[in-house]
Protein backbone atom coordinates (compact mmCIF):
# COMPACT_ATOMS: atom_id res chain seq x y z
CA MET A 1 0.00 0.00 0.00
CA LYS A 2 2.81 2.39 0.89
CA LYS A 3 4.50 1.58 -2.41
CA LEU A 4 1.32 2.27 -4.39
CA THR A 5 0.81 5.54 -2.53
CA LEU A 6 4.37 6.59 -3.33
CA VAL A 7 3.85 5.81 -7.00
CA LEU A 8 0.61 7.77 -7.10
CA LEU A 9 2.12 10.76 -5.32
CA THR A 10 5.14 10.67 -7.61
CA ALA A 11 2.93 10.47 -10.69
CA LEU A 12 0.83 13.37 -9.44
CA SER A 13 3.88 15.52 -8.76
CA LEU A 14 5.21 14.72 -12.22
CA GLN A 15 1.93 15.67 -13.85
CA ILE A 16 1.87 18.98 -12.00
CA GLY A 17 5.53 19.65 -12.78
CA GLY A 18 5.09 18.63 -16.39
CA CYS A 19 2.28 21.06 -17.11
CA ALA A 20 3.18 24.28 -18.89
CA THR A 21 2.21 26.30 -21.92
CA THR A 22 4.75 26.16 -24.72
CA THR A 23 3.93 29.45 -26.43
CA LYS A 24 3.41 33.06 -25.37
CA ASP A 25 -0.10 34.49 -25.39
CA SER A 26 -0.91 36.60 -28.43
CA VAL A 27 -3.77 37.82 -30.60
CA SER A 28 -4.84 34.23 -31.27
CA GLY A 29 -5.40 33.68 -27.54
CA VAL A 30 -3.83 30.23 -27.17
CA ASN A 31 -2.49 29.76 -23.65
CA ARG A 32 -3.62 26.29 -22.54
CA SER A 33 -1.45 24.41 -20.05
CA GLN A 34 -0.04 21.22 -21.57
CA PHE A 35 1.13 17.91 -20.08
CA MET A 36 4.75 17.29 -21.11
CA LEU A 37 6.43 14.18 -19.73
CA LEU A 38 9.15 13.62 -22.32
CA SER A 39 11.82 16.30 -22.59
CA ALA A 40 11.89 18.65 -25.55
CA SER A 41 15.46 17.63 -26.40
CA GLN A 42 14.53 13.95 -26.42
CA VAL A 43 11.57 14.45 -28.75
CA THR A 44 13.52 16.80 -31.04
CA SER A 45 16.32 14.24 -31.32
CA MET A 46 13.90 11.45 -32.21
CA SER A 47 12.14 13.66 -34.75
CA SER A 48 15.42 14.75 -36.35
CA GLN A 49 16.45 11.13 -36.81
CA ALA A 50 13.12 10.26 -38.38
CA TYR A 51 13.29 13.28 -40.69
CA THR A 52 16.81 12.39 -41.81
CA GLN A 53 15.62 8.88 -42.66
CA THR A 54 12.72 10.33 -44.65
CA LEU A 55 15.11 12.52 -46.64
CA LYS A 56 17.35 9.55 -47.42
CA GLU A 57 14.41 7.52 -48.68
CA ALA A 58 13.24 10.39 -50.88
CA GLU A 59 16.75 10.84 -52.25
CA THR A 60 16.89 7.16 -53.11
CA LYS A 61 13.61 7.49 -55.02
CA LYS A 62 14.87 10.72 -56.62
CA THR A 63 11.78 12.55 -55.40
CA LEU A 64 13.48 14.95 -52.99
CA ASN A 65 13.50 18.57 -54.17
CA ALA A 66 13.10 17.42 -57.76
CA ASP A 67 11.64 20.74 -58.94
CA LYS A 68 13.89 23.70 -58.05
CA ALA A 69 11.18 26.28 -58.75
CA GLN A 70 8.77 24.55 -56.38
CA LEU A 71 11.48 24.17 -53.75
CA ASP A 72 12.44 27.85 -53.96
CA ARG A 73 8.81 28.86 -53.69
CA VAL A 74 8.12 26.68 -50.64
CA ARG A 75 11.32 27.78 -48.91
CA THR A 76 10.60 31.46 -49.56
CA ILE A 77 7.12 31.13 -48.04
CA SER A 78 8.38 29.03 -45.13
CA ASN A 79 11.23 31.42 -44.34
CA ARG A 80 8.83 34.35 -44.13
CA LEU A 81 6.76 32.37 -41.64
CA ILE A 82 9.81 31.20 -39.67
CA ALA A 83 10.91 34.83 -39.33
CA GLN A 84 7.80 35.44 -37.19
CA VAL A 85 8.02 32.48 -34.79
CA GLY A 86 9.73 34.57 -32.09
CA VAL A 87 6.39 36.25 -31.38
CA PHE A 88 5.14 32.95 -29.99
CA ARG A 89 8.38 31.54 -28.55
CA PRO A 90 11.79 33.25 -28.81
CA ASP A 91 13.74 29.99 -28.54
CA ALA A 92 12.22 28.77 -31.81
CA THR A 93 14.28 31.34 -33.71
CA GLN A 94 17.31 29.20 -32.80
CA TRP A 95 15.84 25.90 -34.00
CA LYS A 96 17.64 24.12 -36.83
CA TRP A 97 14.88 24.68 -39.34
CA GLU A 98 14.82 22.61 -42.53
CA VAL A 99 12.41 22.92 -45.45
CA ASN A 100 12.16 20.30 -48.19
CA VAL A 101 9.72 19.21 -50.88
CA ASP A 102 8.92 15.61 -51.82
CA LYS A 103 7.48 14.82 -55.25
CA SER A 104 4.37 12.84 -54.33
CA ASP A 105 0.66 12.76 -55.10
CA GLN A 106 -0.06 13.09 -51.39
CA VAL A 107 -1.96 16.22 -50.47
CA ASN A 108 0.02 16.64 -47.30
CA ALA A 109 2.58 18.62 -45.32
CA TYR A 110 4.02 18.50 -41.83
CA CYS A 111 6.44 20.20 -39.46
CA MET A 112 8.12 17.88 -36.98
CA PRO A 113 9.27 18.97 -33.51
CA GLY A 114 12.29 21.22 -33.79
CA GLY A 115 11.29 22.71 -37.15
CA LYS A 116 11.66 19.97 -39.78
CA ILE A 117 9.23 20.85 -42.58
CA MET A 118 8.14 18.65 -45.47
CA VAL A 119 5.69 19.67 -48.20
CA TYR A 120 4.41 17.17 -50.77
CA THR A 121 3.93 18.38 -54.33
CA GLY A 122 0.38 17.00 -54.39
CA LEU A 123 -0.58 19.73 -51.95
CA ILE A 124 0.67 22.38 -54.35
CA GLU A 125 -0.50 20.90 -57.62
CA LYS A 126 -3.85 19.31 -56.80
CA LEU A 127 -5.06 22.41 -54.97
CA ASN A 128 -3.46 24.84 -57.40
CA ALA A 129 -2.49 26.59 -54.18
CA THR A 130 -1.70 30.28 -54.11
CA ASP A 131 1.19 31.64 -52.04
CA ASP A 132 -1.31 32.86 -49.46
CA GLU A 133 -2.88 29.40 -49.23
CA LEU A 134 0.50 27.72 -48.90
CA GLY A 135 1.33 30.25 -46.22
CA ALA A 136 -1.84 29.18 -44.39
CA VAL A 137 -1.13 25.46 -44.51
CA ILE A 138 2.59 25.69 -43.73
CA GLY A 139 1.79 28.18 -40.96
CA HIS A 140 -0.69 25.68 -39.54
CA GLU A 141 1.97 22.96 -39.48
CA ILE A 142 4.60 25.25 -37.95
CA ALA A 143 2.04 26.07 -35.25
CA HIS A 144 1.88 22.38 -34.32
CA ALA A 145 5.65 22.42 -33.83
CA LEU A 146 5.62 25.66 -31.83
CA ARG A 147 2.96 24.24 -29.51
CA GLU A 148 4.91 20.95 -29.36
CA HIS A 149 1.79 18.95 -30.06
CA GLY A 150 3.93 15.99 -31.10
CA ARG A 151 5.70 15.98 -27.74
CA GLU A 152 2.36 16.32 -25.99
CA ARG A 153 0.91 13.33 -27.85
CA MET A 154 4.01 11.24 -27.14
CA SER A 155 3.85 12.12 -23.44
CA GLN A 156 0.21 11.10 -23.23
CA ALA A 157 0.93 7.87 -25.09
CA TYR A 158 3.84 7.12 -22.73
CA VAL A 159 1.47 7.26 -19.76
CA GLN A 160 -1.09 5.04 -21.51
CA GLN A 161 1.55 2.57 -22.65
CA PHE A 162 3.65 2.21 -19.51
CA GLY A 163 1.38 3.34 -16.68
CA LEU A 164 2.00 4.79 -13.25
CA GLN A 165 4.99 2.63 -12.39
CA ALA A 166 6.80 3.93 -15.45
CA LEU A 167 5.89 7.46 -14.39
CA ALA A 168 7.45 6.92 -10.98
CA ALA A 169 10.53 5.33 -12.54
CA PHE A 170 10.85 8.25 -14.92
CA VAL A 171 10.87 10.71 -12.01
CA THR A 172 13.42 8.75 -9.97
CA GLY A 173 15.69 8.24 -12.97
CA SER A 174 15.29 4.47 -13.06
CA ALA A 175 13.00 4.17 -16.06
CA GLY A 176 15.40 1.75 -17.75
CA THR A 177 13.81 -0.43 -20.40
CA ALA A 178 10.55 1.51 -20.39
CA ALA A 179 12.33 4.74 -21.30
CA VAL A 180 14.25 3.02 -24.07
CA GLN A 181 11.03 1.55 -25.44
CA ALA A 182 9.34 4.94 -25.34
CA ALA A 183 12.22 6.60 -27.16
CA GLY A 184 12.23 3.87 -29.77
CA MET A 185 8.62 4.46 -30.70
CA GLY A 186 8.99 8.23 -30.88
CA SER A 187 8.77 8.78 -34.62
CA GLN A 188 6.02 6.17 -34.93
CA LEU A 189 3.99 8.01 -32.35
CA PHE A 190 4.44 11.33 -34.13
CA PHE A 191 2.94 10.02 -37.37
CA ALA A 192 0.52 7.46 -35.92
CA LEU A 193 -1.18 9.49 -33.20
CA PRO A 194 -3.71 11.96 -34.60
CA ASN A 195 -3.84 15.49 -33.30
CA SER A 196 -6.78 16.12 -31.03
CA ARG A 197 -9.53 18.51 -32.02
CA LEU A 198 -8.18 20.94 -29.42
CA GLN A 199 -4.68 20.76 -30.90
CA GLU A 200 -6.09 21.34 -34.38
CA THR A 201 -7.96 24.40 -33.18
CA GLU A 202 -4.79 25.77 -31.60
CA ALA A 203 -2.82 25.18 -34.81
CA ASP A 204 -5.57 26.91 -36.79
CA LYS A 205 -5.43 29.97 -34.55
CA ILE A 206 -1.66 30.32 -34.25
CA GLY A 207 -1.15 29.38 -37.89
CA LEU A 208 -3.58 32.06 -39.01
CA GLU A 209 -1.84 34.71 -36.92
CA LEU A 210 1.59 33.51 -38.04
CA SER A 211 0.68 33.74 -41.73
CA ALA A 212 -0.87 37.19 -41.24
CA ARG A 213 2.28 38.47 -39.51
CA ALA A 214 4.30 37.07 -42.43
CA GLY A 215 2.22 39.09 -44.90
CA TYR A 216 -0.08 36.34 -46.17
CA ASN A 217 -3.78 37.10 -46.45
CA PRO A 218 -5.52 35.28 -43.57
CA GLU A 219 -8.65 34.88 -45.65
CA ALA A 220 -6.69 32.35 -47.72
CA ALA A 221 -7.01 29.88 -44.83
CA ILE A 222 -10.74 29.72 -45.53
CA THR A 223 -10.35 29.13 -49.28
CA LEU A 224 -7.66 26.54 -48.52
CA TRP A 225 -9.95 24.44 -46.31
CA GLN A 226 -12.77 24.82 -48.80
CA LYS A 227 -10.52 23.45 -51.55
CA MET A 228 -9.38 20.66 -49.27
CA SER A 229 -12.90 19.58 -48.41
CA LYS A 230 -13.94 19.49 -52.07
CA LEU A 231 -10.85 17.72 -53.38
CA GLY A 232 -11.53 14.19 -52.22
CA GLY A 233 -15.31 14.06 -52.38
CA ALA A 234 -16.49 11.30 -50.06
CA LYS A 235 -12.87 10.38 -49.28
CA PRO A 236 -10.90 13.40 -48.06
CA PRO A 237 -7.19 13.76 -48.89
CA GLN A 238 -4.66 12.40 -46.41
CA PHE A 239 -3.99 15.85 -45.00
CA LEU A 240 -7.60 15.98 -43.80
CA SER A 241 -7.61 12.52 -42.21
CA THR A 242 -7.02 14.18 -38.84
CA HIS A 243 -7.83 17.73 -39.94
CA PRO A 244 -11.65 17.87 -40.25
CA ALA A 245 -12.46 20.78 -42.56
CA ASN A 246 -16.07 21.24 -41.50
CA GLU A 247 -18.37 24.21 -41.23
CA THR A 248 -17.47 24.74 -37.60
CA ARG A 249 -13.79 25.00 -38.40
CA ILE A 250 -14.33 27.46 -41.24
CA ALA A 251 -16.64 29.50 -39.00
CA GLU A 252 -13.94 29.65 -36.30
CA LEU A 253 -11.35 30.79 -38.82
CA SER A 254 -13.74 33.39 -40.23
CA ALA A 255 -14.30 34.78 -36.74
CA LEU A 256 -10.57 35.12 -36.15
CA VAL A 257 -9.73 36.76 -39.51
CA PRO A 258 -10.80 40.28 -38.42
CA LYS A 259 -8.55 40.04 -35.35
CA VAL A 260 -5.42 39.21 -37.36
CA LYS A 261 -6.21 41.24 -40.49
CA PRO A 262 -4.49 44.38 -39.06
CA LEU A 263 -1.31 42.31 -38.63
CA TYR A 264 -1.48 41.34 -42.30
CA GLU A 265 -2.07 44.93 -43.40
CA ALA A 266 0.83 46.14 -41.27
CA ALA A 267 3.12 43.44 -42.73
CA LYS A 268 2.18 44.43 -46.27
CA LYS A 269 3.18 48.03 -45.57
CA SER A 270 6.55 47.20 -44.04
């Protein structure tokens, strides 16, 4: 009984100590406290390894950055967005950002923890996306990284997978095999665990503000999701598998546009 009590108290103290908000409050109003068990450095390391492996596979298939014009366009848009990340978290300006394009029919994009961006050409070509729309979608993915949603999902999965005893072991530094197992499944968790509706809403809000600050019309986020929802008919594109583009989402974006529009107008003048 004493042992169980110790484990429970340790787990509770860890949960309290592991709760923090990853980004500064701003116009978008995202300031939720998040449960973070795994360290940021651990998750960034795992993500970097997974991203490097992805690049190697694409190079082997000769699909990595195959179109220079597309690559230059995506990097130009991404760099304008990256230049604004300090508004939400100053440390992100020091991340080792990477931006690449994979020739694929997938209508998809992502930004892994630590700033590793990948855009698939299907997203550009099938949507006939404008720069403003690409700014919206890449901004949305960068927002996931800024909020460390991947780390949050991995932390939650760690608790579910290994339970309270693993929590206690993690705190006391004796996690051993459990910690190794958790680290080993890091990249799998990032891609396999869907973002929650709350995380998606946060990425919508921060992404919209980020793109506006970078000089991209925030109204493009609405046309982007409208295109996305129409593209696949009954079967939505992969990008929407965990990104429900419904009327509620578009309504939420529409309500936020007037709040960030002055940021866009100011960016266009500078």
